[in-house]
Amino acid sequence: MLLTAVDEGLGACFFGIMPEHLQPFRAEFGVPGEYDPIGGITVGYRAEDVPEQGTRVAERRRAAEDVIHRGQWGRHA
């Protein structure tokens, strides 16, 4: 999700939710009690004074098949 946001020209950031902040987070965003979120993602437009992301980041990105694991670790043919 973070990479997709960046690819679309947006800024994105994952943040962790500390246990002592979980209840206020639940209340603010209506998270049901049966879920225990460990983090959230903010997505938005980049500030105008932030330089554009270079193409080098995309060049270093691993292919989806190298990072997506369906049912078990390891590469699948």
Protein backbone atom coordinates (compact mmCIF):
# COMPACT_ATOMS: atom_id res chain seq x y z
CA MET A 1 0.00 0.00 0.00
CA LEU A 2 2.82 2.39 0.85
CA LEU A 3 4.58 1.78 -2.45
CA THR A 4 1.35 2.20 -4.42
CA ALA A 5 0.71 5.55 -2.75
CA VAL A 6 4.23 6.71 -3.64
CA ASP A 7 3.82 5.45 -7.21
CA GLU A 8 0.69 7.62 -7.46
CA GLY A 9 2.60 10.70 -6.33
CA LEU A 10 1.32 10.67 -2.75
CA GLY A 11 3.21 10.58 0.51
CA ALA A 12 2.58 7.67 2.89
CA CYS A 13 3.82 6.65 6.32
CA PHE A 14 3.27 3.59 8.52
CA PHE A 15 3.10 4.30 12.24
CA GLY A 16 2.92 1.89 15.14
CA ILE A 17 0.26 2.13 17.84
CA MET A 18 1.68 1.78 21.33
CA PRO A 19 -0.50 -0.27 23.72
CA GLU A 20 -1.19 2.77 25.91
CA HIS A 21 -2.65 4.56 22.87
CA LEU A 22 -4.81 1.68 21.62
CA GLN A 23 -8.05 2.68 23.38
CA PRO A 24 -7.97 6.30 22.18
CA PHE A 25 -7.22 5.02 18.66
CA ARG A 26 -10.18 2.60 18.85
CA ALA A 27 -12.48 5.38 20.02
CA GLU A 28 -11.34 7.86 17.36
CA PHE A 29 -11.63 5.47 14.43
CA GLY A 30 -14.40 3.12 15.62
CA VAL A 31 -12.22 0.00 15.71
CA PRO A 32 -14.26 -2.95 17.07
CA GLY A 33 -12.99 -4.63 20.24
CA GLU A 34 -12.25 -7.92 18.49
CA TYR A 35 -9.46 -6.24 16.48
CA ASP A 36 -6.08 -5.23 17.89
CA PRO A 37 -4.46 -2.88 15.38
CA ILE A 38 -0.68 -2.66 15.60
CA GLY A 39 -0.34 0.33 13.31
CA GLY A 40 -1.89 2.63 10.79
CA ILE A 41 -1.00 4.25 7.50
CA THR A 42 -1.33 7.92 6.67
CA VAL A 43 -1.70 8.85 3.00
CA GLY A 44 -1.74 12.33 1.55
CA TYR A 45 -0.25 14.83 -0.83
CA ARG A 46 3.43 15.57 -0.39
CA ALA A 47 4.42 19.02 0.79
CA GLU A 48 5.44 21.28 -2.07
CA ASP A 49 8.90 21.85 -0.57
CA VAL A 50 9.71 18.11 -0.49
CA PRO A 51 11.78 16.98 -3.50
CA GLU A 52 10.31 14.40 -5.85
CA GLN A 53 11.28 10.78 -5.24
CA GLY A 54 14.08 9.69 -7.53
CA THR A 55 13.73 6.83 -9.99
CA ARG A 56 16.48 4.98 -8.12
CA VAL A 57 13.96 3.86 -5.46
CA ALA A 58 11.77 2.14 -8.05
CA GLU A 59 14.83 0.51 -9.63
CA ARG A 60 15.82 -1.04 -6.26
CA ARG A 61 12.30 -2.34 -5.54
CA ARG A 62 12.00 -6.10 -5.38
CA ALA A 63 9.51 -7.87 -7.63
CA ALA A 64 6.14 -8.82 -6.14
CA GLU A 65 6.89 -12.55 -6.42
CA ASP A 66 9.96 -12.00 -4.22
CA VAL A 67 7.99 -10.47 -1.34
CA ILE A 68 4.47 -11.96 -1.50
CA HIS A 69 4.08 -15.31 0.20
CA ARG A 70 0.86 -17.22 -0.35
CA GLY A 71 0.33 -19.80 2.36
CA GLN A 72 4.03 -20.40 3.07
CA TRP A 73 7.45 -18.80 2.78
CA GLY A 74 9.58 -19.36 -0.28
CA ARG A 75 9.38 -18.73 -3.97
CA HIS A 76 6.90 -20.68 -5.98
CA ALA A 77 7.20 -21.63 -9.63
